[in-house]
Amino acid sequence: MAEVHATDVKLRLVFQDGLDNEGSPIVKRKTLSRIRLAASADQLYNTAQAFASLTSYTFLEANRVETADIQPF
């Protein structure tokens, strides 16, 4: 059986920057790297909220982006 070992975590913030000419949302993303592997969901969400408060864009969501190695057991 194989094991998964996380090697890197990033926090991706997604914002809406208005609407285009057709009325579709314009989406912008900001990725924060060097996130601790052990960071909890609450810590990541609080960080996302803090960064969102610094911008005039509408905050849509936060994503945990994890890179992992798959190795044999």
N, C-alpha and C. Protein backbone atom coordinates (compact mmCIF):
# COMPACT_ATOMS: atom_id res chain seq x y z
N MET A 1 0.84 -1.18 0.00
CA MET A 1 0.00 0.00 0.00
C MET A 1 0.89 1.25 0.00
N ALA A 2 0.46 2.29 -0.64
CA ALA A 2 1.24 3.53 -0.75
C ALA A 2 0.85 4.52 0.34
N GLU A 3 1.76 5.43 0.62
CA GLU A 3 1.52 6.50 1.59
C GLU A 3 1.67 7.85 0.91
N VAL A 4 0.93 8.81 1.41
CA VAL A 4 0.98 10.18 0.88
C VAL A 4 1.66 11.05 1.93
N HIS A 5 2.67 11.83 1.50
CA HIS A 5 3.39 12.74 2.39
C HIS A 5 3.31 14.15 1.80
N ALA A 6 2.64 15.05 2.51
CA ALA A 6 2.54 16.43 2.04
C ALA A 6 3.92 17.07 2.04
N THR A 7 4.24 17.78 0.96
CA THR A 7 5.54 18.44 0.85
C THR A 7 5.43 19.96 0.79
N ASP A 8 4.25 20.47 0.42
CA ASP A 8 4.09 21.91 0.26
C ASP A 8 2.62 22.27 0.38
N VAL A 9 2.34 23.39 1.03
CA VAL A 9 0.97 23.90 1.15
C VAL A 9 0.97 25.36 0.73
N LYS A 10 -0.03 25.73 -0.06
CA LYS A 10 -0.22 27.12 -0.47
C LYS A 10 -1.66 27.51 -0.16
N LEU A 11 -1.88 28.78 0.03
CA LEU A 11 -3.22 29.31 0.27
C LEU A 11 -3.60 30.18 -0.92
N ARG A 12 -4.66 29.78 -1.62
CA ARG A 12 -5.10 30.54 -2.79
C ARG A 12 -6.36 31.32 -2.42
N LEU A 13 -6.30 32.64 -2.62
CA LEU A 13 -7.43 33.52 -2.36
C LEU A 13 -8.08 33.87 -3.69
N VAL A 14 -9.41 33.84 -3.73
CA VAL A 14 -10.14 34.12 -4.96
C VAL A 14 -11.03 35.34 -4.70
N PHE A 15 -10.90 36.34 -5.59
CA PHE A 15 -11.63 37.59 -5.47
C PHE A 15 -12.42 37.88 -6.74
N GLN A 16 -13.49 38.66 -6.60
CA GLN A 16 -14.21 39.16 -7.77
C GLN A 16 -13.86 40.63 -7.93
N ASP A 17 -13.48 40.99 -9.16
CA ASP A 17 -13.08 42.36 -9.48
C ASP A 17 -14.07 42.96 -10.46
N GLY A 18 -15.34 42.93 -10.11
CA GLY A 18 -16.36 43.52 -10.96
C GLY A 18 -16.88 42.54 -12.01
N LEU A 19 -17.53 43.13 -13.03
CA LEU A 19 -18.13 42.35 -14.10
C LEU A 19 -17.59 42.80 -15.44
N ASP A 20 -17.52 41.87 -16.40
CA ASP A 20 -17.08 42.24 -17.74
C ASP A 20 -18.27 42.80 -18.53
N ASN A 21 -18.07 43.08 -19.81
CA ASN A 21 -19.11 43.69 -20.65
C ASN A 21 -20.34 42.80 -20.81
N GLU A 22 -20.17 41.50 -20.64
CA GLU A 22 -21.29 40.57 -20.78
C GLU A 22 -21.95 40.25 -19.45
N GLY A 23 -21.48 40.84 -18.38
CA GLY A 23 -22.05 40.61 -17.06
C GLY A 23 -21.46 39.44 -16.31
N SER A 24 -20.43 38.82 -16.85
CA SER A 24 -19.77 37.71 -16.17
C SER A 24 -18.76 38.26 -15.17
N PRO A 25 -18.60 37.59 -14.03
CA PRO A 25 -17.66 38.08 -13.03
C PRO A 25 -16.21 37.99 -13.51
N ILE A 26 -15.43 39.00 -13.14
CA ILE A 26 -13.99 38.99 -13.39
C ILE A 26 -13.35 38.46 -12.11
N VAL A 27 -12.65 37.33 -12.23
CA VAL A 27 -12.09 36.66 -11.06
C VAL A 27 -10.58 36.87 -11.03
N LYS A 28 -10.08 37.21 -9.85
CA LYS A 28 -8.64 37.35 -9.64
C LYS A 28 -8.23 36.41 -8.52
N ARG A 29 -7.03 35.86 -8.65
CA ARG A 29 -6.51 34.92 -7.65
C ARG A 29 -5.16 35.40 -7.14
N LYS A 30 -4.93 35.17 -5.86
CA LYS A 30 -3.65 35.46 -5.24
C LYS A 30 -3.24 34.23 -4.45
N THR A 31 -2.03 33.75 -4.70
CA THR A 31 -1.55 32.55 -4.03
C THR A 31 -0.44 32.91 -3.06
N LEU A 32 -0.60 32.48 -1.83
CA LEU A 32 0.40 32.70 -0.78
C LEU A 32 1.14 31.39 -0.56
N SER A 33 2.46 31.44 -0.65
CA SER A 33 3.26 30.23 -0.48
C SER A 33 3.92 30.22 0.90
N ARG A 34 4.67 29.17 1.14
CA ARG A 34 5.39 28.98 2.40
C ARG A 34 4.43 28.90 3.59
N ILE A 35 3.33 28.20 3.40
CA ILE A 35 2.36 27.96 4.46
C ILE A 35 2.81 26.72 5.24
N ARG A 36 2.70 26.77 6.54
CA ARG A 36 3.08 25.61 7.36
C ARG A 36 2.24 24.39 7.00
N LEU A 37 2.88 23.25 6.92
CA LEU A 37 2.16 22.01 6.60
C LEU A 37 1.09 21.69 7.63
N ALA A 38 1.33 22.06 8.88
CA ALA A 38 0.40 21.73 9.96
C ALA A 38 -0.67 22.80 10.19
N ALA A 39 -0.76 23.80 9.33
CA ALA A 39 -1.74 24.87 9.52
C ALA A 39 -3.16 24.29 9.45
N SER A 40 -3.98 24.67 10.42
CA SER A 40 -5.35 24.16 10.47
C SER A 40 -6.24 24.94 9.51
N ALA A 41 -7.42 24.40 9.26
CA ALA A 41 -8.39 25.07 8.39
C ALA A 41 -8.78 26.42 8.98
N ASP A 42 -8.95 26.48 10.30
CA ASP A 42 -9.29 27.76 10.95
C ASP A 42 -8.19 28.79 10.77
N GLN A 43 -6.94 28.38 10.91
CA GLN A 43 -5.82 29.30 10.73
C GLN A 43 -5.77 29.82 9.29
N LEU A 44 -5.97 28.93 8.33
CA LEU A 44 -5.95 29.35 6.93
C LEU A 44 -7.10 30.30 6.63
N TYR A 45 -8.28 29.99 7.14
CA TYR A 45 -9.44 30.85 6.89
C TYR A 45 -9.24 32.23 7.53
N ASN A 46 -8.73 32.27 8.75
CA ASN A 46 -8.47 33.55 9.41
C ASN A 46 -7.44 34.37 8.64
N THR A 47 -6.42 33.71 8.11
CA THR A 47 -5.42 34.39 7.29
C THR A 47 -6.05 34.94 6.03
N ALA A 48 -6.90 34.15 5.40
CA ALA A 48 -7.59 34.60 4.18
C ALA A 48 -8.46 35.81 4.48
N GLN A 49 -9.18 35.78 5.58
CA GLN A 49 -10.03 36.92 5.95
C GLN A 49 -9.20 38.17 6.22
N ALA A 50 -8.05 38.00 6.85
CA ALA A 50 -7.19 39.15 7.13
C ALA A 50 -6.68 39.78 5.83
N PHE A 51 -6.25 38.95 4.88
CA PHE A 51 -5.79 39.49 3.60
C PHE A 51 -6.95 40.10 2.82
N ALA A 52 -8.12 39.49 2.88
CA ALA A 52 -9.28 40.01 2.16
C ALA A 52 -9.68 41.39 2.68
N SER A 53 -9.46 41.63 3.96
CA SER A 53 -9.82 42.94 4.53
C SER A 53 -8.92 44.06 4.02
N LEU A 54 -7.79 43.70 3.41
CA LEU A 54 -6.84 44.70 2.93
C LEU A 54 -7.09 45.13 1.48
N THR A 55 -8.07 44.53 0.84
CA THR A 55 -8.32 44.82 -0.57
C THR A 55 -9.74 45.32 -0.78
N SER A 56 -9.97 45.98 -1.89
CA SER A 56 -11.31 46.45 -2.22
C SER A 56 -12.09 45.43 -3.03
N TYR A 57 -11.45 44.33 -3.44
CA TYR A 57 -12.13 43.28 -4.19
C TYR A 57 -13.08 42.51 -3.28
N THR A 58 -14.09 41.90 -3.87
CA THR A 58 -15.02 41.05 -3.13
C THR A 58 -14.38 39.67 -2.94
N PHE A 59 -14.24 39.26 -1.70
CA PHE A 59 -13.64 37.96 -1.38
C PHE A 59 -14.66 36.86 -1.67
N LEU A 60 -14.26 35.87 -2.50
CA LEU A 60 -15.16 34.78 -2.85
C LEU A 60 -14.85 33.49 -2.09
N GLU A 61 -13.59 33.08 -2.08
CA GLU A 61 -13.25 31.82 -1.42
C GLU A 61 -11.76 31.71 -1.17
N ALA A 62 -11.42 30.76 -0.31
CA ALA A 62 -10.03 30.42 -0.03
C ALA A 62 -9.85 28.94 -0.29
N ASN A 63 -8.72 28.57 -0.88
CA ASN A 63 -8.42 27.16 -1.18
C ASN A 63 -7.08 26.78 -0.60
N ARG A 64 -7.05 25.61 0.01
CA ARG A 64 -5.77 25.03 0.45
C ARG A 64 -5.26 24.19 -0.72
N VAL A 65 -4.08 24.52 -1.22
CA VAL A 65 -3.48 23.79 -2.34
C VAL A 65 -2.30 23.01 -1.78
N GLU A 66 -2.43 21.71 -1.82
CA GLU A 66 -1.42 20.85 -1.21
C GLU A 66 -0.71 20.01 -2.27
N THR A 67 0.60 19.99 -2.21
CA THR A 67 1.41 19.13 -3.06
C THR A 67 1.93 18.00 -2.19
N ALA A 68 1.83 16.78 -2.70
CA ALA A 68 2.24 15.63 -1.90
C ALA A 68 2.98 14.62 -2.76
N ASP A 69 3.85 13.88 -2.10
CA ASP A 69 4.54 12.76 -2.73
C ASP A 69 3.80 11.48 -2.37
N ILE A 70 3.70 10.58 -3.33
CA ILE A 70 3.12 9.27 -3.07
C ILE A 70 4.26 8.27 -3.12
N GLN A 71 4.45 7.56 -2.01
CA GLN A 71 5.57 6.64 -1.89
C GLN A 71 5.07 5.27 -1.44
N PRO A 72 5.79 4.23 -1.82
CA PRO A 72 5.38 2.90 -1.37
C PRO A 72 5.53 2.78 0.14
N PHE A 73 4.73 1.95 0.72
CA PHE A 73 4.72 1.75 2.17
C PHE A 73 5.95 1.11 2.64
